[in-house]
Amino acid sequence: MKNNDDKKLFTRLQKDWEQLDTLGEPPIPTAPQLKEQLQMAKIKQRKAFQKEFALFIVTALIILTTFTTVISKAPMIFVITQAIAFIAAPTFYFLLRKSKQEGSMLT
């Protein structure tokens, strides 16, 4: 009796292990499936690029329109903005360059 129960248990365990083996192995995609996945990824990437590019263009147009309006309504604001940028840009450049050089010495 015990021998018969052991055999049944052994065969059940073998079947279970075979099922686990088949579940654990991912299916290997064929060449057409890989091409299709690649095409879908390219389409998705292209759509994302088009969205980002459209958002960039809209933002640039809004900034350009606002800046043009400000210049035509109050030219003094434009002059002040240019003076601040003329002073601030080199300052930021040298500060960032200095901090980058200090950081590279530590590593």
PDB file of N, CA and C in Angstrom:
ATOM      1  N   MET A   1       0.813  -1.184   0.000  1.00  0.00           N
ATOM      2  CA  MET A   1       0.000   0.000   0.000  1.00  0.00           C
ATOM      3  C   MET A   1       0.861   1.254   0.000  1.00  0.00           C
ATOM      4  N   LYS A   2       1.821   1.229   0.874  1.00  0.00           N
ATOM      5  CA  LYS A   2       2.671   2.396   0.993  1.00  0.00           C
ATOM      6  C   LYS A   2       3.453   2.617  -0.305  1.00  0.00           C
ATOM      7  N   ASN A   3       3.845   1.529  -0.919  1.00  0.00           N
ATOM      8  CA  ASN A   3       4.586   1.603  -2.163  1.00  0.00           C
ATOM      9  C   ASN A   3       3.711   2.199  -3.272  1.00  0.00           C
ATOM     10  N   ASN A   4       2.450   1.802  -3.315  1.00  0.00           N
ATOM     11  CA  ASN A   4       1.508   2.316  -4.308  1.00  0.00           C
ATOM     12  C   ASN A   4       1.252   3.805  -4.095  1.00  0.00           C
ATOM     13  N   ASP A   5       1.098   4.216  -2.849  1.00  0.00           N
ATOM     14  CA  ASP A   5       0.896   5.637  -2.528  1.00  0.00           C
ATOM     15  C   ASP A   5       2.128   6.458  -2.900  1.00  0.00           C
ATOM     16  N   ASP A   6       3.283   5.878  -2.669  1.00  0.00           N
ATOM     17  CA  ASP A   6       4.525   6.574  -3.036  1.00  0.00           C
ATOM     18  C   ASP A   6       4.622   6.776  -4.540  1.00  0.00           C
ATOM     19  N   LYS A   7       4.211   5.748  -5.305  1.00  0.00           N
ATOM     20  CA  LYS A   7       4.249   5.865  -6.763  1.00  0.00           C
ATOM     21  C   LYS A   7       3.292   6.951  -7.252  1.00  0.00           C
ATOM     22  N   LYS A   8       2.095   6.968  -6.667  1.00  0.00           N
ATOM     23  CA  LYS A   8       1.117   7.994  -7.049  1.00  0.00           C
ATOM     24  C   LYS A   8       1.633   9.392  -6.715  1.00  0.00           C
ATOM     25  N   LEU A   9       2.202   9.493  -5.542  1.00  0.00           N
ATOM     26  CA  LEU A   9       2.765  10.777  -5.126  1.00  0.00           C
ATOM     27  C   LEU A   9       3.910  11.186  -6.046  1.00  0.00           C
ATOM     28  N   PHE A  10       4.744  10.229  -6.396  1.00  0.00           N
ATOM     29  CA  PHE A  10       5.877  10.506  -7.283  1.00  0.00           C
ATOM     30  C   PHE A  10       5.395  10.949  -8.666  1.00  0.00           C
ATOM     31  N   THR A  11       4.409  10.282  -9.218  1.00  0.00           N
ATOM     32  CA  THR A  11       3.895  10.666 -10.546  1.00  0.00           C
ATOM     33  C   THR A  11       3.218  12.032 -10.490  1.00  0.00           C
ATOM     34  N   ARG A  12       2.502  12.291  -9.421  1.00  0.00           N
ATOM     35  CA  ARG A  12       1.868  13.616  -9.266  1.00  0.00           C
ATOM     36  C   ARG A  12       2.916  14.715  -9.174  1.00  0.00           C
ATOM     37  N   LEU A  13       3.977  14.434  -8.414  1.00  0.00           N
ATOM     38  CA  LEU A  13       5.054  15.422  -8.289  1.00  0.00           C
ATOM     39  C   LEU A  13       5.746  15.654  -9.633  1.00  0.00           C
ATOM     40  N   GLN A  14       5.929  14.572 -10.400  1.00  0.00           N
ATOM     41  CA  GLN A  14       6.542  14.735 -11.718  1.00  0.00           C
ATOM     42  C   GLN A  14       5.673  15.605 -12.624  1.00  0.00           C
ATOM     43  N   LYS A  15       4.388  15.366 -12.622  1.00  0.00           N
ATOM     44  CA  LYS A  15       3.473  16.172 -13.447  1.00  0.00           C
ATOM     45  C   LYS A  15       3.497  17.638 -13.007  1.00  0.00           C
ATOM     46  N   ASP A  16       3.504  17.842 -11.704  1.00  0.00           N
ATOM     47  CA  ASP A  16       3.539  19.210 -11.186  1.00  0.00           C
ATOM     48  C   ASP A  16       4.830  19.914 -11.585  1.00  0.00           C
ATOM     49  N   TRP A  17       5.961  19.183 -11.504  1.00  0.00           N
ATOM     50  CA  TRP A  17       7.240  19.776 -11.905  1.00  0.00           C
ATOM     51  C   TRP A  17       7.255  20.108 -13.389  1.00  0.00           C
ATOM     52  N   GLU A  18       6.672  19.244 -14.199  1.00  0.00           N
ATOM     53  CA  GLU A  18       6.598  19.515 -15.638  1.00  0.00           C
ATOM     54  C   GLU A  18       5.748  20.756 -15.916  1.00  0.00           C
ATOM     55  N   GLN A  19       4.645  20.887 -15.183  1.00  0.00           N
ATOM     56  CA  GLN A  19       3.807  22.080 -15.341  1.00  0.00           C
ATOM     57  C   GLN A  19       4.574  23.334 -14.935  1.00  0.00           C
ATOM     58  N   LEU A  20       5.308  23.249 -13.847  1.00  0.00           N
ATOM     59  CA  LEU A  20       6.102  24.399 -13.416  1.00  0.00           C
ATOM     60  C   LEU A  20       7.167  24.745 -14.443  1.00  0.00           C
ATOM     61  N   ASP A  21       7.777  23.730 -15.032  1.00  0.00           N
ATOM     62  CA  ASP A  21       8.787  23.976 -16.058  1.00  0.00           C
ATOM     63  C   ASP A  21       8.181  24.681 -17.267  1.00  0.00           C
ATOM     64  N   THR A  22       7.006  24.228 -17.679  1.00  0.00           N
ATOM     65  CA  THR A  22       6.375  24.866 -18.843  1.00  0.00           C
ATOM     66  C   THR A  22       5.923  26.287 -18.514  1.00  0.00           C
ATOM     67  N   LEU A  23       5.504  26.531 -17.299  1.00  0.00           N
ATOM     68  CA  LEU A  23       5.093  27.885 -16.899  1.00  0.00           C
ATOM     69  C   LEU A  23       6.294  28.809 -16.760  1.00  0.00           C
ATOM     70  N   GLY A  24       7.405  28.280 -16.320  1.00  0.00           N
ATOM     71  CA  GLY A  24       8.586  29.092 -16.062  1.00  0.00           C
ATOM     72  C   GLY A  24       9.325  29.521 -17.306  1.00  0.00           C
ATOM     73  N   GLU A  25       9.150  28.833 -18.409  1.00  0.00           N
ATOM     74  CA  GLU A  25       9.857  29.172 -19.636  1.00  0.00           C
ATOM     75  C   GLU A  25       9.053  30.191 -20.433  1.00  0.00           C
ATOM     76  N   PRO A  26       9.601  31.383 -20.631  1.00  0.00           N
ATOM     77  CA  PRO A  26       8.878  32.362 -21.432  1.00  0.00           C
ATOM     78  C   PRO A  26       8.932  31.965 -22.906  1.00  0.00           C
ATOM     79  N   PRO A  27       7.876  32.244 -23.627  1.00  0.00           N
ATOM     80  CA  PRO A  27       7.901  31.882 -25.050  1.00  0.00           C
ATOM     81  C   PRO A  27       8.897  32.761 -25.801  1.00  0.00           C
ATOM     82  N   ILE A  28       9.639  32.165 -26.697  1.00  0.00           N
ATOM     83  CA  ILE A  28      10.629  32.894 -27.480  1.00  0.00           C
ATOM     84  C   ILE A  28       9.918  33.485 -28.692  1.00  0.00           C
ATOM     85  N   PRO A  29       9.961  34.818 -28.834  1.00  0.00           N
ATOM     86  CA  PRO A  29       9.251  35.422 -29.958  1.00  0.00           C
ATOM     87  C   PRO A  29       9.946  35.114 -31.282  1.00  0.00           C
ATOM     88  N   THR A  30       9.130  35.005 -32.311  1.00  0.00           N
ATOM     89  CA  THR A  30       9.669  34.745 -33.637  1.00  0.00           C
ATOM     90  C   THR A  30      10.127  36.059 -34.262  1.00  0.00           C
ATOM     91  N   ALA A  31      10.792  35.952 -35.396  1.00  0.00           N
ATOM     92  CA  ALA A  31      11.309  37.144 -36.078  1.00  0.00           C
ATOM     93  C   ALA A  31      10.189  38.115 -36.459  1.00  0.00           C
ATOM     94  N   PRO A  32       9.061  37.646 -37.018  1.00  0.00           N
ATOM     95  CA  PRO A  32       7.979  38.597 -37.331  1.00  0.00           C
ATOM     96  C   PRO A  32       7.412  39.275 -36.074  1.00  0.00           C
ATOM     97  N   GLN A  33       7.335  38.529 -34.991  1.00  0.00           N
ATOM     98  CA  GLN A  33       6.838  39.132 -33.750  1.00  0.00           C
ATOM     99  C   GLN A  33       7.795  40.198 -33.253  1.00  0.00           C
ATOM    100  N   LEU A  34       9.096  39.945 -33.346  1.00  0.00           N
ATOM    101  CA  LEU A  34      10.086  40.939 -32.935  1.00  0.00           C
ATOM    102  C   LEU A  34      10.005  42.185 -33.805  1.00  0.00           C
ATOM    103  N   LYS A  35       9.833  41.993 -35.118  1.00  0.00           N
ATOM    104  CA  LYS A  35       9.699  43.138 -36.020  1.00  0.00           C
ATOM    105  C   LYS A  35       8.466  43.965 -35.678  1.00  0.00           C
ATOM    106  N   GLU A  36       7.381  43.273 -35.385  1.00  0.00           N
ATOM    107  CA  GLU A  36       6.145  43.976 -35.028  1.00  0.00           C
ATOM    108  C   GLU A  36       6.320  44.764 -33.729  1.00  0.00           C
ATOM    109  N   GLN A  37       6.962  44.156 -32.746  1.00  0.00           N
ATOM    110  CA  GLN A  37       7.206  44.858 -31.482  1.00  0.00           C
ATOM    111  C   GLN A  37       8.102  46.063 -31.700  1.00  0.00           C
ATOM    112  N   LEU A  38       9.104  45.921 -32.550  1.00  0.00           N
ATOM    113  CA  LEU A  38      10.007  47.025 -32.854  1.00  0.00           C
ATOM    114  C   LEU A  38       9.266  48.156 -33.561  1.00  0.00           C
ATOM    115  N   GLN A  39       8.413  47.813 -34.509  1.00  0.00           N
ATOM    116  CA  GLN A  39       7.628  48.831 -35.205  1.00  0.00           C
ATOM    117  C   GLN A  39       6.690  49.556 -34.242  1.00  0.00           C
ATOM    118  N   MET A  40       6.069  48.810 -33.339  1.00  0.00           N
ATOM    119  CA  MET A  40       5.168  49.431 -32.370  1.00  0.00           C
ATOM    120  C   MET A  40       5.935  50.369 -31.447  1.00  0.00           C
ATOM    121  N   ALA A  41       7.130  49.968 -31.043  1.00  0.00           N
ATOM    122  CA  ALA A  41       7.948  50.824 -30.179  1.00  0.00           C
ATOM    123  C   ALA A  41       8.359  52.094 -30.925  1.00  0.00           C
ATOM    124  N   LYS A  42       8.708  51.957 -32.208  1.00  0.00           N
ATOM    125  CA  LYS A  42       9.069  53.131 -32.996  1.00  0.00           C
ATOM    126  C   LYS A  42       7.890  54.083 -33.156  1.00  0.00           C
ATOM    127  N   ILE A  43       6.715  53.537 -33.395  1.00  0.00           N
ATOM    128  CA  ILE A  43       5.518  54.370 -33.534  1.00  0.00           C
ATOM    129  C   ILE A  43       5.228  55.096 -32.222  1.00  0.00           C
ATOM    130  N   LYS A  44       5.347  54.384 -31.126  1.00  0.00           N
ATOM    131  CA  LYS A  44       5.110  54.995 -29.815  1.00  0.00           C
ATOM    132  C   LYS A  44       6.125  56.102 -29.546  1.00  0.00           C
ATOM    133  N   GLN A  45       7.383  55.859 -29.886  1.00  0.00           N
ATOM    134  CA  GLN A  45       8.425  56.865 -29.682  1.00  0.00           C
ATOM    135  C   GLN A  45       8.189  58.073 -30.584  1.00  0.00           C
ATOM    136  N   ARG A  46       7.768  57.847 -31.821  1.00  0.00           N
ATOM    137  CA  ARG A  46       7.495  58.940 -32.744  1.00  0.00           C
ATOM    138  C   ARG A  46       6.330  59.809 -32.244  1.00  0.00           C
ATOM    139  N   LYS A  47       5.287  59.155 -31.727  1.00  0.00           N
ATOM    140  CA  LYS A  47       4.145  59.910 -31.195  1.00  0.00           C
ATOM    141  C   LYS A  47       4.562  60.749 -29.989  1.00  0.00           C
ATOM    142  N   ALA A  48       5.387  60.185 -29.126  1.00  0.00           N
ATOM    143  CA  ALA A  48       5.862  60.928 -27.959  1.00  0.00           C
ATOM    144  C   ALA A  48       6.701  62.121 -28.402  1.00  0.00           C
ATOM    145  N   PHE A  49       7.562  61.925 -29.410  1.00  0.00           N
ATOM    146  CA  PHE A  49       8.373  63.030 -29.920  1.00  0.00           C
ATOM    147  C   PHE A  49       7.491  64.116 -30.512  1.00  0.00           C
ATOM    148  N   GLN A  50       6.468  63.725 -31.272  1.00  0.00           N
ATOM    149  CA  GLN A  50       5.580  64.714 -31.877  1.00  0.00           C
ATOM    150  C   GLN A  50       4.834  65.516 -30.815  1.00  0.00           C
ATOM    151  N   LYS A  51       4.405  64.867 -29.752  1.00  0.00           N
ATOM    152  CA  LYS A  51       3.736  65.584 -28.659  1.00  0.00           C
ATOM    153  C   LYS A  51       4.684  66.586 -28.004  1.00  0.00           C
ATOM    154  N   GLU A  52       5.888  66.124 -27.688  1.00  0.00           N
ATOM    155  CA  GLU A  52       6.864  67.009 -27.047  1.00  0.00           C
ATOM    156  C   GLU A  52       7.240  68.166 -27.963  1.00  0.00           C
ATOM    157  N   PHE A  53       7.390  67.897 -29.253  1.00  0.00           N
ATOM    158  CA  PHE A  53       7.761  68.945 -30.202  1.00  0.00           C
ATOM    159  C   PHE A  53       6.635  69.969 -30.334  1.00  0.00           C
ATOM    160  N   ALA A  54       5.395  69.492 -30.397  1.00  0.00           N
ATOM    161  CA  ALA A  54       4.252  70.406 -30.475  1.00  0.00           C
ATOM    162  C   ALA A  54       4.175  71.268 -29.220  1.00  0.00           C
ATOM    163  N   LEU A  55       4.394  70.670 -28.068  1.00  0.00           N
ATOM    164  CA  LEU A  55       4.383  71.427 -26.821  1.00  0.00           C
ATOM    165  C   LEU A  55       5.505  72.461 -26.809  1.00  0.00           C
ATOM    166  N   PHE A  56       6.675  72.095 -27.317  1.00  0.00           N
ATOM    167  CA  PHE A  56       7.793  73.024 -27.403  1.00  0.00           C
ATOM    168  C   PHE A  56       7.449  74.213 -28.305  1.00  0.00           C
ATOM    169  N   ILE A  57       6.875  73.929 -29.473  1.00  0.00           N
ATOM    170  CA  ILE A  57       6.525  74.996 -30.411  1.00  0.00           C
ATOM    171  C   ILE A  57       5.484  75.923 -29.802  1.00  0.00           C
ATOM    172  N   VAL A  58       4.462  75.386 -29.172  1.00  0.00           N
ATOM    173  CA  VAL A  58       3.419  76.216 -28.557  1.00  0.00           C
ATOM    174  C   VAL A  58       4.016  77.086 -27.453  1.00  0.00           C
ATOM    175  N   THR A  59       4.858  76.485 -26.623  1.00  0.00           N
ATOM    176  CA  THR A  59       5.494  77.251 -25.548  1.00  0.00           C
ATOM    177  C   THR A  59       6.380  78.348 -26.114  1.00  0.00           C
ATOM    178  N   ALA A  60       7.154  78.036 -27.153  1.00  0.00           N
ATOM    179  CA  ALA A  60       8.024  79.039 -27.769  1.00  0.00           C
ATOM    180  C   ALA A  60       7.208  80.176 -28.362  1.00  0.00           C
ATOM    181  N   LEU A  61       6.096  79.853 -28.995  1.00  0.00           N
ATOM    182  CA  LEU A  61       5.246  80.906 -29.568  1.00  0.00           C
ATOM    183  C   LEU A  61       4.632  81.787 -28.489  1.00  0.00           C
ATOM    184  N   ILE A  62       4.221  81.180 -27.396  1.00  0.00           N
ATOM    185  CA  ILE A  62       3.652  81.963 -26.293  1.00  0.00           C
ATOM    186  C   ILE A  62       4.707  82.897 -25.722  1.00  0.00           C
ATOM    187  N   ILE A  63       5.901  82.391 -25.492  1.00  0.00           N
ATOM    188  CA  ILE A  63       6.979  83.234 -24.949  1.00  0.00           C
ATOM    189  C   ILE A  63       7.329  84.345 -25.930  1.00  0.00           C
ATOM    190  N   LEU A  64       7.448  84.007 -27.201  1.00  0.00           N
ATOM    191  CA  LEU A  64       7.780  85.007 -28.214  1.00  0.00           C
ATOM    192  C   LEU A  64       6.698  86.078 -28.319  1.00  0.00           C
ATOM    193  N   THR A  65       5.449  85.664 -28.300  1.00  0.00           N
ATOM    194  CA  THR A  65       4.347  86.624 -28.363  1.00  0.00           C
ATOM    195  C   THR A  65       4.347  87.534 -27.144  1.00  0.00           C
ATOM    196  N   THR A  66       4.530  86.954 -25.972  1.00  0.00           N
ATOM    197  CA  THR A  66       4.554  87.755 -24.748  1.00  0.00           C
ATOM    198  C   THR A  66       5.711  88.735 -24.771  1.00  0.00           C
ATOM    199  N   PHE A  67       6.868  88.272 -25.167  1.00  0.00           N
ATOM    200  CA  PHE A  67       8.049  89.130 -25.200  1.00  0.00           C
ATOM    201  C   PHE A  67       7.878  90.255 -26.224  1.00  0.00           C
ATOM    202  N   THR A  68       7.314  89.943 -27.388  1.00  0.00           N
ATOM    203  CA  THR A  68       7.081  90.963 -28.413  1.00  0.00           C
ATOM    204  C   THR A  68       6.091  92.005 -27.919  1.00  0.00           C
ATOM    205  N   THR A  69       5.061  91.560 -27.238  1.00  0.00           N
ATOM    206  CA  THR A  69       4.077  92.499 -26.689  1.00  0.00           C
ATOM    207  C   THR A  69       4.720  93.397 -25.645  1.00  0.00           C
ATOM    208  N   VAL A  70       5.526  92.830 -24.774  1.00  0.00           N
ATOM    209  CA  VAL A  70       6.185  93.622 -23.729  1.00  0.00           C
ATOM    210  C   VAL A  70       7.125  94.644 -24.357  1.00  0.00           C
ATOM    211  N   ILE A  71       7.861  94.238 -25.376  1.00  0.00           N
ATOM    212  CA  ILE A  71       8.799  95.168 -26.018  1.00  0.00           C
ATOM    213  C   ILE A  71       8.051  96.331 -26.661  1.00  0.00           C
ATOM    214  N   SER A  72       6.946  96.024 -27.314  1.00  0.00           N
ATOM    215  CA  SER A  72       6.219  97.103 -27.998  1.00  0.00           C
ATOM    216  C   SER A  72       5.498  98.011 -27.015  1.00  0.00           C
ATOM    217  N   LYS A  73       5.057  97.493 -25.883  1.00  0.00           N
ATOM    218  CA  LYS A  73       4.320  98.316 -24.908  1.00  0.00           C
ATOM    219  C   LYS A  73       5.268  99.062 -23.966  1.00  0.00           C
ATOM    220  N   ALA A  74       6.338  98.431 -23.569  1.00  0.00           N
ATOM    221  CA  ALA A  74       7.248  99.058 -22.608  1.00  0.00           C
ATOM    222  C   ALA A  74       8.683  98.710 -22.979  1.00  0.00           C
ATOM    223  N   PRO A  75       9.295  99.502 -23.852  1.00  0.00           N
ATOM    224  CA  PRO A  75      10.657  99.189 -24.277  1.00  0.00           C
ATOM    225  C   PRO A  75      11.679  99.244 -23.135  1.00  0.00           C
ATOM    226  N   MET A  76      11.379  99.982 -22.095  1.00  0.00           N
ATOM    227  CA  MET A  76      12.308 100.081 -20.972  1.00  0.00           C
ATOM    228  C   MET A  76      12.466  98.729 -20.266  1.00  0.00           C
ATOM    229  N   ILE A  77      11.386  97.948 -20.214  1.00  0.00           N
ATOM    230  CA  ILE A  77      11.451  96.618 -19.599  1.00  0.00           C
ATOM    231  C   ILE A  77      12.421  95.735 -20.392  1.00  0.00           C
ATOM    232  N   PHE A  78      12.408  95.870 -21.712  1.00  0.00           N
ATOM    233  CA  PHE A  78      13.321  95.114 -22.556  1.00  0.00           C
ATOM    234  C   PHE A  78      14.772  95.494 -22.259  1.00  0.00           C
ATOM    235  N   VAL A  79      15.030  96.752 -22.126  1.00  0.00           N
ATOM    236  CA  VAL A  79      16.393  97.222 -21.856  1.00  0.00           C
ATOM    237  C   VAL A  79      16.856  96.706 -20.498  1.00  0.00           C
ATOM    238  N   ILE A  80      15.991  96.767 -19.496  1.00  0.00           N
ATOM    239  CA  ILE A  80      16.333  96.285 -18.158  1.00  0.00           C
ATOM    240  C   ILE A  80      16.591  94.770 -18.185  1.00  0.00           C
ATOM    241  N   THR A  81      15.741  94.040 -18.903  1.00  0.00           N
ATOM    242  CA  THR A  81      15.909  92.598 -19.019  1.00  0.00           C
ATOM    243  C   THR A  81      17.252  92.254 -19.674  1.00  0.00           C
ATOM    244  N   GLN A  82      17.604  92.986 -20.714  1.00  0.00           N
ATOM    245  CA  GLN A  82      18.872  92.750 -21.401  1.00  0.00           C
ATOM    246  C   GLN A  82      20.057  93.065 -20.491  1.00  0.00           C
ATOM    247  N   ALA A  83      19.952  94.130 -19.720  1.00  0.00           N
ATOM    248  CA  ALA A  83      21.046  94.495 -18.813  1.00  0.00           C
ATOM    249  C   ALA A  83      21.235  93.436 -17.730  1.00  0.00           C
ATOM    250  N   ILE A  84      20.133  92.956 -17.186  1.00  0.00           N
ATOM    251  CA  ILE A  84      20.212  91.911 -16.157  1.00  0.00           C
ATOM    252  C   ILE A  84      20.812  90.633 -16.747  1.00  0.00           C
ATOM    253  N   ALA A  85      20.365  90.273 -17.946  1.00  0.00           N
ATOM    254  CA  ALA A  85      20.895  89.062 -18.595  1.00  0.00           C
ATOM    255  C   ALA A  85      22.379  89.226 -18.914  1.00  0.00           C
ATOM    256  N   PHE A  86      22.784  90.428 -19.309  1.00  0.00           N
ATOM    257  CA  PHE A  86      24.181  90.688 -19.648  1.00  0.00           C
ATOM    258  C   PHE A  86      25.079  90.530 -18.427  1.00  0.00           C
ATOM    259  N   ILE A  87      24.562  90.864 -17.260  1.00  0.00           N
ATOM    260  CA  ILE A  87      25.342  90.740 -16.027  1.00  0.00           C
ATOM    261  C   ILE A  87      25.213  89.331 -15.424  1.00  0.00           C
ATOM    262  N   ALA A  88      23.991  88.777 -15.432  1.00  0.00           N
ATOM    263  CA  ALA A  88      23.734  87.512 -14.743  1.00  0.00           C
ATOM    264  C   ALA A  88      24.294  86.303 -15.488  1.00  0.00           C
ATOM    265  N   ALA A  89      24.247  86.314 -16.800  1.00  0.00           N
ATOM    266  CA  ALA A  89      24.674  85.132 -17.566  1.00  0.00           C
ATOM    267  C   ALA A  89      26.140  84.777 -17.320  1.00  0.00           C
ATOM    268  N   PRO A  90      27.074  85.730 -17.442  1.00  0.00           N
ATOM    269  CA  PRO A  90      28.475  85.357 -17.161  1.00  0.00           C
ATOM    270  C   PRO A  90      28.696  84.953 -15.702  1.00  0.00           C
ATOM    271  N   THR A  91      27.966  85.601 -14.799  1.00  0.00           N
ATOM    272  CA  THR A  91      28.100  85.263 -13.381  1.00  0.00           C
ATOM    273  C   THR A  91      27.683  83.818 -13.140  1.00  0.00           C
ATOM    274  N   PHE A  92      26.524  83.430 -13.664  1.00  0.00           N
ATOM    275  CA  PHE A  92      26.066  82.055 -13.512  1.00  0.00           C
ATOM    276  C   PHE A  92      27.031  81.078 -14.179  1.00  0.00           C
ATOM    277  N   TYR A  93      27.558  81.459 -15.328  1.00  0.00           N
ATOM    278  CA  TYR A  93      28.493  80.592 -16.039  1.00  0.00           C
ATOM    279  C   TYR A  93      29.732  80.321 -15.187  1.00  0.00           C
ATOM    280  N   PHE A  94      30.306  81.360 -14.635  1.00  0.00           N
ATOM    281  CA  PHE A  94      31.519  81.169 -13.834  1.00  0.00           C
ATOM    282  C   PHE A  94      31.227  80.430 -12.531  1.00  0.00           C
ATOM    283  N   LEU A  95      30.091  80.702 -11.913  1.00  0.00           N
ATOM    284  CA  LEU A  95      29.739  79.970 -10.692  1.00  0.00           C
ATOM    285  C   LEU A  95      29.545  78.482 -10.979  1.00  0.00           C
ATOM    286  N   LEU A  96      28.846  78.159 -12.050  1.00  0.00           N
ATOM    287  CA  LEU A  96      28.634  76.755 -12.390  1.00  0.00           C
ATOM    288  C   LEU A  96      29.947  76.080 -12.787  1.00  0.00           C
ATOM    289  N   ARG A  97      30.775  76.796 -13.500  1.00  0.00           N
ATOM    290  CA  ARG A  97      32.056  76.231 -13.916  1.00  0.00           C
ATOM    291  C   ARG A  97      32.937  75.969 -12.697  1.00  0.00           C
ATOM    292  N   LYS A  98      32.914  76.902 -11.745  1.00  0.00           N
ATOM    293  CA  LYS A  98      33.714  76.751 -10.526  1.00  0.00           C
ATOM    294  C   LYS A  98      33.232  75.554  -9.701  1.00  0.00           C
ATOM    295  N   SER A  99      31.908  75.440  -9.556  1.00  0.00           N
ATOM    296  CA  SER A  99      31.384  74.325  -8.767  1.00  0.00           C
ATOM    297  C   SER A  99      31.640  73.000  -9.468  1.00  0.00           C
ATOM    298  N   LYS A 100      31.636  72.987 -10.783  1.00  0.00           N
ATOM    299  CA  LYS A 100      31.910  71.755 -11.522  1.00  0.00           C
ATOM    300  C   LYS A 100      33.380  71.357 -11.353  1.00  0.00           C
ATOM    301  N   GLN A 101      34.278  72.339 -11.379  1.00  0.00           N
ATOM    302  CA  GLN A 101      35.685  72.037 -11.199  1.00  0.00           C
ATOM    303  C   GLN A 101      35.969  71.544  -9.790  1.00  0.00           C
ATOM    304  N   GLU A 102      35.328  72.136  -8.805  1.00  0.00           N
ATOM    305  CA  GLU A 102      35.525  71.674  -7.419  1.00  0.00           C
ATOM    306  C   GLU A 102      34.996  70.272  -7.235  1.00  0.00           C
ATOM    307  N   GLY A 103      33.881  69.968  -7.884  1.00  0.00           N
ATOM    308  CA  GLY A 103      33.301  68.624  -7.790  1.00  0.00           C
ATOM    309  C   GLY A 103      34.174  67.581  -8.437  1.00  0.00           C
ATOM    310  N   SER A 104      34.852  67.925  -9.532  1.00  0.00           N
ATOM    311  CA  SER A 104      35.690  66.946 -10.212  1.00  0.00           C
ATOM    312  C   SER A 104      36.977  66.676  -9.414  1.00  0.00           C
ATOM    313  N   MET A 105      37.414  67.631  -8.590  1.00  0.00           N
ATOM    314  CA  MET A 105      38.593  67.387  -7.787  1.00  0.00           C
ATOM    315  C   MET A 105      38.331  66.416  -6.662  1.00  0.00           C
ATOM    316  N   LEU A 106      37.084  66.379  -6.193  1.00  0.00           N
ATOM    317  CA  LEU A 106      36.743  65.494  -5.090  1.00  0.00           C
ATOM    318  C   LEU A 106      36.665  64.048  -5.539  1.00  0.00           C
ATOM    319  N   THR A 107      36.339  63.803  -6.780  1.00  0.00           N
ATOM    320  CA  THR A 107      36.190  62.418  -7.233  1.00  0.00           C
ATOM    321  C   THR A 107      37.468  61.854  -7.762  1.00  0.00           C
TER     322      THR A 107
END
